[in-house]
Amino acid sequence: MRFLANENFPKPSVDILRSKGYEVLSVSEMNPSITDEAVVNWANNEGRIILTFDKDYGEIVFRYRIPCSVVFFRAKGETPTDVGNTLLEILKDIKLEGYFTVVDKTGIRQRELKF
């Protein structure tokens, strides 16, 4: 599974995912300040799942009907490693490719990307 961590995704969580063998590119490390649309294009071109706290990706994906897999975290957690650890738990049970996934304090919701 290949991920693209948006600029707002914490570096310590990126490091946790990498330490577990996941291929994670970071917008902050490679191309800071690019537009959300450029992030979506990058993710789609390389078959990556976007990791983000930015709700604008929901609008990009659903309003413009762009089938890009996204994991949208609504809460950052107590520490910068919390979302990385949360994602590792999610990966045990849930398929992320082909879905817009929302993770918040109450649970996980997914919407299949069929356009």
PDB file of N, CA and C in Angstrom:
ATOM      1  N   MET A   1       0.844  -1.171   0.000  1.00  0.00           N
ATOM      2  CA  MET A   1       0.000   0.000   0.000  1.00  0.00           C
ATOM      3  C   MET A   1       0.893   1.239   0.000  1.00  0.00           C
ATOM      4  N   ARG A   2       0.552   2.172  -0.849  1.00  0.00           N
ATOM      5  CA  ARG A   2       1.365   3.377  -1.024  1.00  0.00           C
ATOM      6  C   ARG A   2       0.556   4.603  -0.629  1.00  0.00           C
ATOM      7  N   PHE A   3       1.184   5.465   0.147  1.00  0.00           N
ATOM      8  CA  PHE A   3       0.501   6.642   0.663  1.00  0.00           C
ATOM      9  C   PHE A   3       1.179   7.928   0.218  1.00  0.00           C
ATOM     10  N   LEU A   4       0.384   8.994   0.206  1.00  0.00           N
ATOM     11  CA  LEU A   4       0.892  10.344  -0.001  1.00  0.00           C
ATOM     12  C   LEU A   4       0.380  11.182   1.162  1.00  0.00           C
ATOM     13  N   ALA A   5       1.285  11.544   2.064  1.00  0.00           N
ATOM     14  CA  ALA A   5       0.914  12.324   3.244  1.00  0.00           C
ATOM     15  C   ALA A   5       0.834  13.797   2.858  1.00  0.00           C
ATOM     16  N   ASN A   6      -0.329  14.369   3.039  1.00  0.00           N
ATOM     17  CA  ASN A   6      -0.526  15.783   2.742  1.00  0.00           C
ATOM     18  C   ASN A   6       0.357  16.613   3.671  1.00  0.00           C
ATOM     19  N   GLU A   7       0.496  17.872   3.340  1.00  0.00           N
ATOM     20  CA  GLU A   7       1.386  18.756   4.080  1.00  0.00           C
ATOM     21  C   GLU A   7       1.033  18.843   5.567  1.00  0.00           C
ATOM     22  N   ASN A   8      -0.222  18.664   5.919  1.00  0.00           N
ATOM     23  CA  ASN A   8      -0.642  18.787   7.312  1.00  0.00           C
ATOM     24  C   ASN A   8      -0.536  17.482   8.100  1.00  0.00           C
ATOM     25  N   PHE A   9      -0.090  16.423   7.477  1.00  0.00           N
ATOM     26  CA  PHE A   9       0.045  15.129   8.147  1.00  0.00           C
ATOM     27  C   PHE A   9       1.374  15.104   8.894  1.00  0.00           C
ATOM     28  N   PRO A  10       1.361  14.803  10.202  1.00  0.00           N
ATOM     29  CA  PRO A  10       2.571  14.940  11.013  1.00  0.00           C
ATOM     30  C   PRO A  10       3.709  13.990  10.633  1.00  0.00           C
ATOM     31  N   LYS A  11       4.903  14.543  10.591  1.00  0.00           N
ATOM     32  CA  LYS A  11       6.110  13.786  10.243  1.00  0.00           C
ATOM     33  C   LYS A  11       6.308  12.567  11.153  1.00  0.00           C
ATOM     34  N   PRO A  12       6.100  12.673  12.484  1.00  0.00           N
ATOM     35  CA  PRO A  12       6.259  11.471  13.309  1.00  0.00           C
ATOM     36  C   PRO A  12       5.321  10.326  12.909  1.00  0.00           C
ATOM     37  N   SER A  13       4.136  10.642  12.432  1.00  0.00           N
ATOM     38  CA  SER A  13       3.225   9.598  11.958  1.00  0.00           C
ATOM     39  C   SER A  13       3.703   9.013  10.632  1.00  0.00           C
ATOM     40  N   VAL A  14       4.255   9.853   9.768  1.00  0.00           N
ATOM     41  CA  VAL A  14       4.871   9.359   8.522  1.00  0.00           C
ATOM     42  C   VAL A  14       5.990   8.379   8.874  1.00  0.00           C
ATOM     43  N   ASP A  15       6.817   8.748   9.835  1.00  0.00           N
ATOM     44  CA  ASP A  15       7.934   7.898  10.244  1.00  0.00           C
ATOM     45  C   ASP A  15       7.463   6.553  10.794  1.00  0.00           C
ATOM     46  N   ILE A  16       6.384   6.556  11.570  1.00  0.00           N
ATOM     47  CA  ILE A  16       5.831   5.299  12.102  1.00  0.00           C
ATOM     48  C   ILE A  16       5.399   4.381  10.964  1.00  0.00           C
ATOM     49  N   LEU A  17       4.686   4.936   9.993  1.00  0.00           N
ATOM     50  CA  LEU A  17       4.220   4.129   8.856  1.00  0.00           C
ATOM     51  C   LEU A  17       5.403   3.578   8.066  1.00  0.00           C
ATOM     52  N   ARG A  18       6.399   4.399   7.840  1.00  0.00           N
ATOM     53  CA  ARG A  18       7.596   3.940   7.117  1.00  0.00           C
ATOM     54  C   ARG A  18       8.311   2.830   7.885  1.00  0.00           C
ATOM     55  N   SER A  19       8.376   2.956   9.203  1.00  0.00           N
ATOM     56  CA  SER A  19       9.064   1.948  10.019  1.00  0.00           C
ATOM     57  C   SER A  19       8.364   0.596   9.961  1.00  0.00           C
ATOM     58  N   LYS A  20       7.085   0.604   9.613  1.00  0.00           N
ATOM     59  CA  LYS A  20       6.315  -0.638   9.481  1.00  0.00           C
ATOM     60  C   LYS A  20       6.292  -1.149   8.043  1.00  0.00           C
ATOM     61  N   GLY A  21       7.079  -0.518   7.181  1.00  0.00           N
ATOM     62  CA  GLY A  21       7.233  -1.008   5.819  1.00  0.00           C
ATOM     63  C   GLY A  21       6.329  -0.381   4.776  1.00  0.00           C
ATOM     64  N   TYR A  22       5.539   0.603   5.154  1.00  0.00           N
ATOM     65  CA  TYR A  22       4.670   1.257   4.175  1.00  0.00           C
ATOM     66  C   TYR A  22       5.451   2.323   3.412  1.00  0.00           C
ATOM     67  N   GLU A  23       5.163   2.422   2.126  1.00  0.00           N
ATOM     68  CA  GLU A  23       5.794   3.431   1.285  1.00  0.00           C
ATOM     69  C   GLU A  23       4.984   4.718   1.406  1.00  0.00           C
ATOM     70  N   VAL A  24       5.576   5.714   2.026  1.00  0.00           N
ATOM     71  CA  VAL A  24       4.889   6.980   2.271  1.00  0.00           C
ATOM     72  C   VAL A  24       5.727   8.126   1.727  1.00  0.00           C
ATOM     73  N   LEU A  25       5.164   8.837   0.771  1.00  0.00           N
ATOM     74  CA  LEU A  25       5.777  10.080   0.314  1.00  0.00           C
ATOM     75  C   LEU A  25       5.110  11.221   1.078  1.00  0.00           C
ATOM     76  N   SER A  26       5.872  12.253   1.333  1.00  0.00           N
ATOM     77  CA  SER A  26       5.365  13.384   2.093  1.00  0.00           C
ATOM     78  C   SER A  26       5.422  14.651   1.249  1.00  0.00           C
ATOM     79  N   VAL A  27       4.283  15.313   1.108  1.00  0.00           N
ATOM     80  CA  VAL A  27       4.231  16.570   0.371  1.00  0.00           C
ATOM     81  C   VAL A  27       5.184  17.577   1.017  1.00  0.00           C
ATOM     82  N   SER A  28       5.235  17.609   2.338  1.00  0.00           N
ATOM     83  CA  SER A  28       6.111  18.544   3.050  1.00  0.00           C
ATOM     84  C   SER A  28       7.574  18.345   2.698  1.00  0.00           C
ATOM     85  N   GLU A  29       7.977  17.104   2.529  1.00  0.00           N
ATOM     86  CA  GLU A  29       9.364  16.797   2.226  1.00  0.00           C
ATOM     87  C   GLU A  29       9.710  17.010   0.750  1.00  0.00           C
ATOM     88  N   MET A  30       8.750  16.756  -0.120  1.00  0.00           N
ATOM     89  CA  MET A  30       9.070  16.703  -1.540  1.00  0.00           C
ATOM     90  C   MET A  30       8.605  17.904  -2.353  1.00  0.00           C
ATOM     91  N   ASN A  31       7.452  18.465  -1.991  1.00  0.00           N
ATOM     92  CA  ASN A  31       6.911  19.543  -2.818  1.00  0.00           C
ATOM     93  C   ASN A  31       5.948  20.406  -2.002  1.00  0.00           C
ATOM     94  N   PRO A  32       6.463  21.092  -0.974  1.00  0.00           N
ATOM     95  CA  PRO A  32       5.563  21.871  -0.119  1.00  0.00           C
ATOM     96  C   PRO A  32       4.829  22.971  -0.882  1.00  0.00           C
ATOM     97  N   SER A  33       3.663  23.292  -0.402  1.00  0.00           N
ATOM     98  CA  SER A  33       2.837  24.389  -0.921  1.00  0.00           C
ATOM     99  C   SER A  33       2.178  24.121  -2.267  1.00  0.00           C
ATOM    100  N   ILE A  34       2.155  22.875  -2.742  1.00  0.00           N
ATOM    101  CA  ILE A  34       1.428  22.615  -3.985  1.00  0.00           C
ATOM    102  C   ILE A  34      -0.070  22.630  -3.692  1.00  0.00           C
ATOM    103  N   THR A  35      -0.857  22.795  -4.703  1.00  0.00           N
ATOM    104  CA  THR A  35      -2.309  22.878  -4.530  1.00  0.00           C
ATOM    105  C   THR A  35      -2.893  21.502  -4.199  1.00  0.00           C
ATOM    106  N   ASP A  36      -4.088  21.525  -3.637  1.00  0.00           N
ATOM    107  CA  ASP A  36      -4.789  20.272  -3.350  1.00  0.00           C
ATOM    108  C   ASP A  36      -5.036  19.484  -4.633  1.00  0.00           C
ATOM    109  N   GLU A  37      -5.360  20.189  -5.698  1.00  0.00           N
ATOM    110  CA  GLU A  37      -5.594  19.514  -6.981  1.00  0.00           C
ATOM    111  C   GLU A  37      -4.324  18.821  -7.473  1.00  0.00           C
ATOM    112  N   ALA A  38      -3.178  19.447  -7.265  1.00  0.00           N
ATOM    113  CA  ALA A  38      -1.906  18.829  -7.657  1.00  0.00           C
ATOM    114  C   ALA A  38      -1.621  17.594  -6.809  1.00  0.00           C
ATOM    115  N   VAL A  39      -2.001  17.638  -5.532  1.00  0.00           N
ATOM    116  CA  VAL A  39      -1.829  16.474  -4.658  1.00  0.00           C
ATOM    117  C   VAL A  39      -2.696  15.323  -5.159  1.00  0.00           C
ATOM    118  N   VAL A  40      -3.935  15.610  -5.531  1.00  0.00           N
ATOM    119  CA  VAL A  40      -4.833  14.576  -6.054  1.00  0.00           C
ATOM    120  C   VAL A  40      -4.260  13.978  -7.340  1.00  0.00           C
ATOM    121  N   ASN A  41      -3.785  14.809  -8.232  1.00  0.00           N
ATOM    122  CA  ASN A  41      -3.198  14.310  -9.479  1.00  0.00           C
ATOM    123  C   ASN A  41      -1.978  13.441  -9.207  1.00  0.00           C
ATOM    124  N   TRP A  42      -1.128  13.875  -8.300  1.00  0.00           N
ATOM    125  CA  TRP A  42       0.065  13.125  -7.918  1.00  0.00           C
ATOM    126  C   TRP A  42      -0.335  11.757  -7.366  1.00  0.00           C
ATOM    127  N   ALA A  43      -1.285  11.751  -6.439  1.00  0.00           N
ATOM    128  CA  ALA A  43      -1.734  10.489  -5.845  1.00  0.00           C
ATOM    129  C   ALA A  43      -2.307   9.557  -6.909  1.00  0.00           C
ATOM    130  N   ASN A  44      -3.131  10.085  -7.787  1.00  0.00           N
ATOM    131  CA  ASN A  44      -3.727   9.247  -8.828  1.00  0.00           C
ATOM    132  C   ASN A  44      -2.690   8.735  -9.814  1.00  0.00           C
ATOM    133  N   ASN A  45      -1.752   9.576 -10.194  1.00  0.00           N
ATOM    134  CA  ASN A  45      -0.718   9.162 -11.148  1.00  0.00           C
ATOM    135  C   ASN A  45       0.164   8.047 -10.603  1.00  0.00           C
ATOM    136  N   GLU A  46       0.352   8.019  -9.282  1.00  0.00           N
ATOM    137  CA  GLU A  46       1.237   7.017  -8.678  1.00  0.00           C
ATOM    138  C   GLU A  46       0.491   5.941  -7.896  1.00  0.00           C
ATOM    139  N   GLY A  47      -0.837   5.953  -7.954  1.00  0.00           N
ATOM    140  CA  GLY A  47      -1.609   4.944  -7.245  1.00  0.00           C
ATOM    141  C   GLY A  47      -1.444   5.018  -5.731  1.00  0.00           C
ATOM    142  N   ARG A  48      -1.496   6.226  -5.188  1.00  0.00           N
ATOM    143  CA  ARG A  48      -1.307   6.430  -3.754  1.00  0.00           C
ATOM    144  C   ARG A  48      -2.606   6.852  -3.081  1.00  0.00           C
ATOM    145  N   ILE A  49      -2.678   6.598  -1.799  1.00  0.00           N
ATOM    146  CA  ILE A  49      -3.811   7.005  -0.968  1.00  0.00           C
ATOM    147  C   ILE A  49      -3.389   8.262  -0.215  1.00  0.00           C
ATOM    148  N   ILE A  50      -4.195   9.314  -0.306  1.00  0.00           N
ATOM    149  CA  ILE A  50      -3.877  10.567   0.376  1.00  0.00           C
ATOM    150  C   ILE A  50      -4.242  10.457   1.855  1.00  0.00           C
ATOM    151  N   LEU A  51      -3.328  10.906   2.715  1.00  0.00           N
ATOM    152  CA  LEU A  51      -3.555  11.002   4.155  1.00  0.00           C
ATOM    153  C   LEU A  51      -3.627  12.484   4.486  1.00  0.00           C
ATOM    154  N   THR A  52      -4.735  12.925   5.089  1.00  0.00           N
ATOM    155  CA  THR A  52      -4.915  14.366   5.274  1.00  0.00           C
ATOM    156  C   THR A  52      -5.827  14.704   6.443  1.00  0.00           C
ATOM    157  N   PHE A  53      -5.740  15.960   6.865  1.00  0.00           N
ATOM    158  CA  PHE A  53      -6.679  16.561   7.812  1.00  0.00           C
ATOM    159  C   PHE A  53      -7.521  17.629   7.113  1.00  0.00           C
ATOM    160  N   ASP A  54      -7.358  17.768   5.816  1.00  0.00           N
ATOM    161  CA  ASP A  54      -7.989  18.827   5.031  1.00  0.00           C
ATOM    162  C   ASP A  54      -9.309  18.342   4.428  1.00  0.00           C
ATOM    163  N   LYS A  55     -10.416  18.923   4.904  1.00  0.00           N
ATOM    164  CA  LYS A  55     -11.738  18.500   4.428  1.00  0.00           C
ATOM    165  C   LYS A  55     -11.993  18.889   2.978  1.00  0.00           C
ATOM    166  N   ASP A  56     -11.175  19.762   2.403  1.00  0.00           N
ATOM    167  CA  ASP A  56     -11.357  20.164   1.004  1.00  0.00           C
ATOM    168  C   ASP A  56     -11.233  18.985   0.040  1.00  0.00           C
ATOM    169  N   TYR A  57     -10.549  17.926   0.453  1.00  0.00           N
ATOM    170  CA  TYR A  57     -10.411  16.771  -0.440  1.00  0.00           C
ATOM    171  C   TYR A  57     -11.749  16.096  -0.698  1.00  0.00           C
ATOM    172  N   GLY A  58     -12.654  16.165   0.245  1.00  0.00           N
ATOM    173  CA  GLY A  58     -13.992  15.621   0.021  1.00  0.00           C
ATOM    174  C   GLY A  58     -14.686  16.346  -1.109  1.00  0.00           C
ATOM    175  N   GLU A  59     -14.560  17.652  -1.128  1.00  0.00           N
ATOM    176  CA  GLU A  59     -15.175  18.432  -2.207  1.00  0.00           C
ATOM    177  C   GLU A  59     -14.515  18.113  -3.547  1.00  0.00           C
ATOM    178  N   ILE A  60     -13.204  18.040  -3.555  1.00  0.00           N
ATOM    179  CA  ILE A  60     -12.497  17.745  -4.807  1.00  0.00           C
ATOM    180  C   ILE A  60     -12.930  16.391  -5.359  1.00  0.00           C
ATOM    181  N   VAL A  61     -12.961  15.391  -4.495  1.00  0.00           N
ATOM    182  CA  VAL A  61     -13.289  14.029  -4.933  1.00  0.00           C
ATOM    183  C   VAL A  61     -14.756  13.916  -5.368  1.00  0.00           C
ATOM    184  N   PHE A  62     -15.675  14.428  -4.554  1.00  0.00           N
ATOM    185  CA  PHE A  62     -17.091  14.204  -4.839  1.00  0.00           C
ATOM    186  C   PHE A  62     -17.720  15.256  -5.748  1.00  0.00           C
ATOM    187  N   ARG A  63     -17.361  16.487  -5.587  1.00  0.00           N
ATOM    188  CA  ARG A  63     -17.948  17.517  -6.450  1.00  0.00           C
ATOM    189  C   ARG A  63     -17.468  17.380  -7.891  1.00  0.00           C
ATOM    190  N   TYR A  64     -16.169  17.110  -8.031  1.00  0.00           N
ATOM    191  CA  TYR A  64     -15.594  17.008  -9.378  1.00  0.00           C
ATOM    192  C   TYR A  64     -15.492  15.563  -9.861  1.00  0.00           C
ATOM    193  N   ARG A  65     -15.982  14.646  -9.011  1.00  0.00           N
ATOM    194  CA  ARG A  65     -16.046  13.229  -9.372  1.00  0.00           C
ATOM    195  C   ARG A  65     -14.690  12.679  -9.798  1.00  0.00           C
ATOM    196  N   ILE A  66     -13.704  12.929  -8.960  1.00  0.00           N
ATOM    197  CA  ILE A  66     -12.350  12.429  -9.196  1.00  0.00           C
ATOM    198  C   ILE A  66     -12.123  11.246  -8.257  1.00  0.00           C
ATOM    199  N   PRO A  67     -12.006  10.061  -8.783  1.00  0.00           N
ATOM    200  CA  PRO A  67     -11.876   8.880  -7.931  1.00  0.00           C
ATOM    201  C   PRO A  67     -10.471   8.736  -7.338  1.00  0.00           C
ATOM    202  N   CYS A  68     -10.228   9.423  -6.247  1.00  0.00           N
ATOM    203  CA  CYS A  68      -8.928   9.388  -5.579  1.00  0.00           C
ATOM    204  C   CYS A  68      -9.138   8.896  -4.147  1.00  0.00           C
ATOM    205  N   SER A  69      -8.446   7.844  -3.774  1.00  0.00           N
ATOM    206  CA  SER A  69      -8.565   7.297  -2.423  1.00  0.00           C
ATOM    207  C   SER A  69      -7.977   8.275  -1.415  1.00  0.00           C
ATOM    208  N   VAL A  70      -8.755   8.538  -0.363  1.00  0.00           N
ATOM    209  CA  VAL A  70      -8.351   9.510   0.663  1.00  0.00           C
ATOM    210  C   VAL A  70      -8.703   8.961   2.035  1.00  0.00           C
ATOM    211  N   VAL A  71      -7.806   9.191   3.002  1.00  0.00           N
ATOM    212  CA  VAL A  71      -8.130   8.973   4.405  1.00  0.00           C
ATOM    213  C   VAL A  71      -8.106  10.351   5.049  1.00  0.00           C
ATOM    214  N   PHE A  72      -9.294  10.803   5.453  1.00  0.00           N
ATOM    215  CA  PHE A  72      -9.469  12.126   6.048  1.00  0.00           C
ATOM    216  C   PHE A  72      -9.633  11.961   7.555  1.00  0.00           C
ATOM    217  N   PHE A  73      -8.671  12.481   8.295  1.00  0.00           N
ATOM    218  CA  PHE A  73      -8.711  12.433   9.750  1.00  0.00           C
ATOM    219  C   PHE A  73      -9.336  13.725  10.259  1.00  0.00           C
ATOM    220  N   ARG A  74     -10.375  13.611  11.069  1.00  0.00           N
ATOM    221  CA  ARG A  74     -11.050  14.787  11.620  1.00  0.00           C
ATOM    222  C   ARG A  74     -10.374  15.302  12.886  1.00  0.00           C
ATOM    223  N   ALA A  75      -9.595  14.470  13.571  1.00  0.00           N
ATOM    224  CA  ALA A  75      -8.923  14.882  14.807  1.00  0.00           C
ATOM    225  C   ALA A  75      -7.455  14.471  14.753  1.00  0.00           C
ATOM    226  N   LYS A  76      -6.591  15.338  15.228  1.00  0.00           N
ATOM    227  CA  LYS A  76      -5.152  15.071  15.179  1.00  0.00           C
ATOM    228  C   LYS A  76      -4.663  14.199  16.321  1.00  0.00           C
ATOM    229  N   GLY A  77      -5.430  14.088  17.384  1.00  0.00           N
ATOM    230  CA  GLY A  77      -5.005  13.277  18.520  1.00  0.00           C
ATOM    231  C   GLY A  77      -4.161  14.082  19.493  1.00  0.00           C
ATOM    232  N   GLU A  78      -3.715  13.410  20.511  1.00  0.00           N
ATOM    233  CA  GLU A  78      -2.954  14.064  21.580  1.00  0.00           C
ATOM    234  C   GLU A  78      -1.502  14.319  21.194  1.00  0.00           C
ATOM    235  N   THR A  79      -0.927  13.410  20.420  1.00  0.00           N
ATOM    236  CA  THR A  79       0.487  13.532  20.038  1.00  0.00           C
ATOM    237  C   THR A  79       0.617  13.410  18.523  1.00  0.00           C
ATOM    238  N   PRO A  80       1.754  13.831  17.969  1.00  0.00           N
ATOM    239  CA  PRO A  80       1.946  13.732  16.513  1.00  0.00           C
ATOM    240  C   PRO A  80       2.008  12.300  15.976  1.00  0.00           C
ATOM    241  N   THR A  81       2.138  11.319  16.852  1.00  0.00           N
ATOM    242  CA  THR A  81       2.176   9.924  16.396  1.00  0.00           C
ATOM    243  C   THR A  81       0.811   9.248  16.429  1.00  0.00           C
ATOM    244  N   ASP A  82      -0.173   9.886  17.034  1.00  0.00           N
ATOM    245  CA  ASP A  82      -1.489   9.257  17.207  1.00  0.00           C
ATOM    246  C   ASP A  82      -2.132   8.829  15.895  1.00  0.00           C
ATOM    247  N   VAL A  83      -2.117   9.681  14.875  1.00  0.00           N
ATOM    248  CA  VAL A  83      -2.796   9.299  13.624  1.00  0.00           C
ATOM    249  C   VAL A  83      -2.061   8.171  12.912  1.00  0.00           C
ATOM    250  N   GLY A  84      -0.756   8.138  13.032  1.00  0.00           N
ATOM    251  CA  GLY A  84      -0.001   7.029  12.451  1.00  0.00           C
ATOM    252  C   GLY A  84      -0.380   5.709  13.098  1.00  0.00           C
ATOM    253  N   ASN A  85      -0.456   5.717  14.424  1.00  0.00           N
ATOM    254  CA  ASN A  85      -0.856   4.505  15.140  1.00  0.00           C
ATOM    255  C   ASN A  85      -2.305   4.133  14.842  1.00  0.00           C
ATOM    256  N   THR A  86      -3.173   5.129  14.740  1.00  0.00           N
ATOM    257  CA  THR A  86      -4.575   4.869  14.387  1.00  0.00           C
ATOM    258  C   THR A  86      -4.660   4.225  13.015  1.00  0.00           C
ATOM    259  N   LEU A  87      -3.910   4.753  12.054  1.00  0.00           N
ATOM    260  CA  LEU A  87      -3.940   4.183  10.704  1.00  0.00           C
ATOM    261  C   LEU A  87      -3.434   2.742  10.699  1.00  0.00           C
ATOM    262  N   LEU A  88      -2.402   2.446  11.464  1.00  0.00           N
ATOM    263  CA  LEU A  88      -1.916   1.067  11.538  1.00  0.00           C
ATOM    264  C   LEU A  88      -3.009   0.129  12.046  1.00  0.00           C
ATOM    265  N   GLU A  89      -3.800   0.567  13.002  1.00  0.00           N
ATOM    266  CA  GLU A  89      -4.913  -0.249  13.498  1.00  0.00           C
ATOM    267  C   GLU A  89      -5.987  -0.428  12.424  1.00  0.00           C
ATOM    268  N   ILE A  90      -6.301   0.639  11.720  1.00  0.00           N
ATOM    269  CA  ILE A  90      -7.312   0.592  10.664  1.00  0.00           C
ATOM    270  C   ILE A  90      -6.904  -0.387   9.568  1.00  0.00           C
ATOM    271  N   LEU A  91      -5.627  -0.384   9.229  1.00  0.00           N
ATOM    272  CA  LEU A  91      -5.142  -1.214   8.129  1.00  0.00           C
ATOM    273  C   LEU A  91      -5.306  -2.712   8.391  1.00  0.00           C
ATOM    274  N   LYS A  92      -5.486  -3.079   9.636  1.00  0.00           N
ATOM    275  CA  LYS A  92      -5.681  -4.492   9.969  1.00  0.00           C
ATOM    276  C   LYS A  92      -7.034  -5.005   9.482  1.00  0.00           C
ATOM    277  N   ASP A  93      -8.011  -4.102   9.379  1.00  0.00           N
ATOM    278  CA  ASP A  93      -9.385  -4.541   9.130  1.00  0.00           C
ATOM    279  C   ASP A  93     -10.074  -3.931   7.921  1.00  0.00           C
ATOM    280  N   ILE A  94      -9.541  -2.854   7.385  1.00  0.00           N
ATOM    281  CA  ILE A  94     -10.290  -2.095   6.388  1.00  0.00           C
ATOM    282  C   ILE A  94      -9.473  -1.896   5.116  1.00  0.00           C
ATOM    283  N   LYS A  95     -10.148  -2.046   3.989  1.00  0.00           N
ATOM    284  CA  LYS A  95      -9.555  -1.744   2.694  1.00  0.00           C
ATOM    285  C   LYS A  95      -9.699  -0.245   2.435  1.00  0.00           C
ATOM    286  N   LEU A  96      -8.636   0.415   2.019  1.00  0.00           N
ATOM    287  CA  LEU A  96      -8.674   1.851   1.775  1.00  0.00           C
ATOM    288  C   LEU A  96      -8.704   2.219   0.292  1.00  0.00           C
ATOM    289  N   GLU A  97      -8.155   1.376  -0.553  1.00  0.00           N
ATOM    290  CA  GLU A  97      -8.134   1.671  -1.977  1.00  0.00           C
ATOM    291  C   GLU A  97      -9.550   1.700  -2.528  1.00  0.00           C
ATOM    292  N   GLY A  98      -9.852   2.767  -3.268  1.00  0.00           N
ATOM    293  CA  GLY A  98     -11.173   2.885  -3.874  1.00  0.00           C
ATOM    294  C   GLY A  98     -12.231   3.472  -2.948  1.00  0.00           C
ATOM    295  N   TYR A  99     -11.791   4.054  -1.834  1.00  0.00           N
ATOM    296  CA  TYR A  99     -12.724   4.618  -0.858  1.00  0.00           C
ATOM    297  C   TYR A  99     -12.284   6.001  -0.395  1.00  0.00           C
ATOM    298  N   PHE A 100     -13.257   6.797  -0.010  1.00  0.00           N
ATOM    299  CA  PHE A 100     -13.008   8.011   0.758  1.00  0.00           C
ATOM    300  C   PHE A 100     -13.331   7.618   2.189  1.00  0.00           C
ATOM    301  N   THR A 101     -12.327   7.635   3.043  1.00  0.00           N
ATOM    302  CA  THR A 101     -12.463   7.161   4.414  1.00  0.00           C
ATOM    303  C   THR A 101     -12.367   8.341   5.368  1.00  0.00           C
ATOM    304  N   VAL A 102     -13.306   8.426   6.295  1.00  0.00           N
ATOM    305  CA  VAL A 102     -13.301   9.472   7.317  1.00  0.00           C
ATOM    306  C   VAL A 102     -13.071   8.805   8.663  1.00  0.00           C
ATOM    307  N   VAL A 103     -12.063   9.308   9.387  1.00  0.00           N
ATOM    308  CA  VAL A 103     -11.740   8.784  10.707  1.00  0.00           C
ATOM    309  C   VAL A 103     -11.955   9.905  11.715  1.00  0.00           C
ATOM    310  N   ASP A 104     -12.825   9.640  12.691  1.00  0.00           N
ATOM    311  CA  ASP A 104     -13.018  10.621  13.758  1.00  0.00           C
ATOM    312  C   ASP A 104     -13.118   9.891  15.094  1.00  0.00           C
ATOM    313  N   LYS A 105     -13.405  10.627  16.145  1.00  0.00           N
ATOM    314  CA  LYS A 105     -13.428  10.044  17.489  1.00  0.00           C
ATOM    315  C   LYS A 105     -14.518   9.003  17.661  1.00  0.00           C
ATOM    316  N   THR A 106     -15.569   9.082  16.860  1.00  0.00           N
ATOM    317  CA  THR A 106     -16.687   8.151  17.016  1.00  0.00           C
ATOM    318  C   THR A 106     -16.541   6.896  16.164  1.00  0.00           C
ATOM    319  N   GLY A 107     -15.602   6.887  15.219  1.00  0.00           N
ATOM    320  CA  GLY A 107     -15.428   5.709  14.393  1.00  0.00           C
ATOM    321  C   GLY A 107     -14.909   6.020  13.007  1.00  0.00           C
ATOM    322  N   ILE A 108     -15.193   5.096  12.103  1.00  0.00           N
ATOM    323  CA  ILE A 108     -14.699   5.167  10.725  1.00  0.00           C
ATOM    324  C   ILE A 108     -15.890   5.035   9.787  1.00  0.00           C
ATOM    325  N   ARG A 109     -15.943   5.907   8.792  1.00  0.00           N
ATOM    326  CA  ARG A 109     -16.974   5.831   7.756  1.00  0.00           C
ATOM    327  C   ARG A 109     -16.260   5.773   6.408  1.00  0.00           C
ATOM    328  N   GLN A 110     -16.827   5.018   5.495  1.00  0.00           N
ATOM    329  CA  GLN A 110     -16.257   4.925   4.161  1.00  0.00           C
ATOM    330  C   GLN A 110     -17.327   5.086   3.108  1.00  0.00           C
ATOM    331  N   ARG A 111     -16.914   5.698   2.027  1.00  0.00           N
ATOM    332  CA  ARG A 111     -17.797   5.829   0.857  1.00  0.00           C
ATOM    333  C   ARG A 111     -16.996   5.319  -0.337  1.00  0.00           C
ATOM    334  N   GLU A 112     -17.558   4.354  -1.018  1.00  0.00           N
ATOM    335  CA  GLU A 112     -16.886   3.791  -2.186  1.00  0.00           C
ATOM    336  C   GLU A 112     -16.876   4.810  -3.314  1.00  0.00           C
ATOM    337  N   LEU A 113     -15.790   4.868  -4.020  1.00  0.00           N
ATOM    338  CA  LEU A 113     -15.622   5.829  -5.108  1.00  0.00           C
ATOM    339  C   LEU A 113     -16.036   5.193  -6.431  1.00  0.00           C
ATOM    340  N   LYS A 114     -17.327   5.232  -6.706  1.00  0.00           N
ATOM    341  CA  LYS A 114     -17.864   4.704  -7.962  1.00  0.00           C
ATOM    342  C   LYS A 114     -18.515   5.857  -8.704  1.00  0.00           C
ATOM    343  N   PHE A 115     -17.844   6.344  -9.701  1.00  0.00           N
ATOM    344  CA  PHE A 115     -18.394   7.450 -10.499  1.00  0.00           C
ATOM    345  C   PHE A 115     -18.618   6.994 -11.908  1.00  0.00           C
TER     346      PHE A 115
END
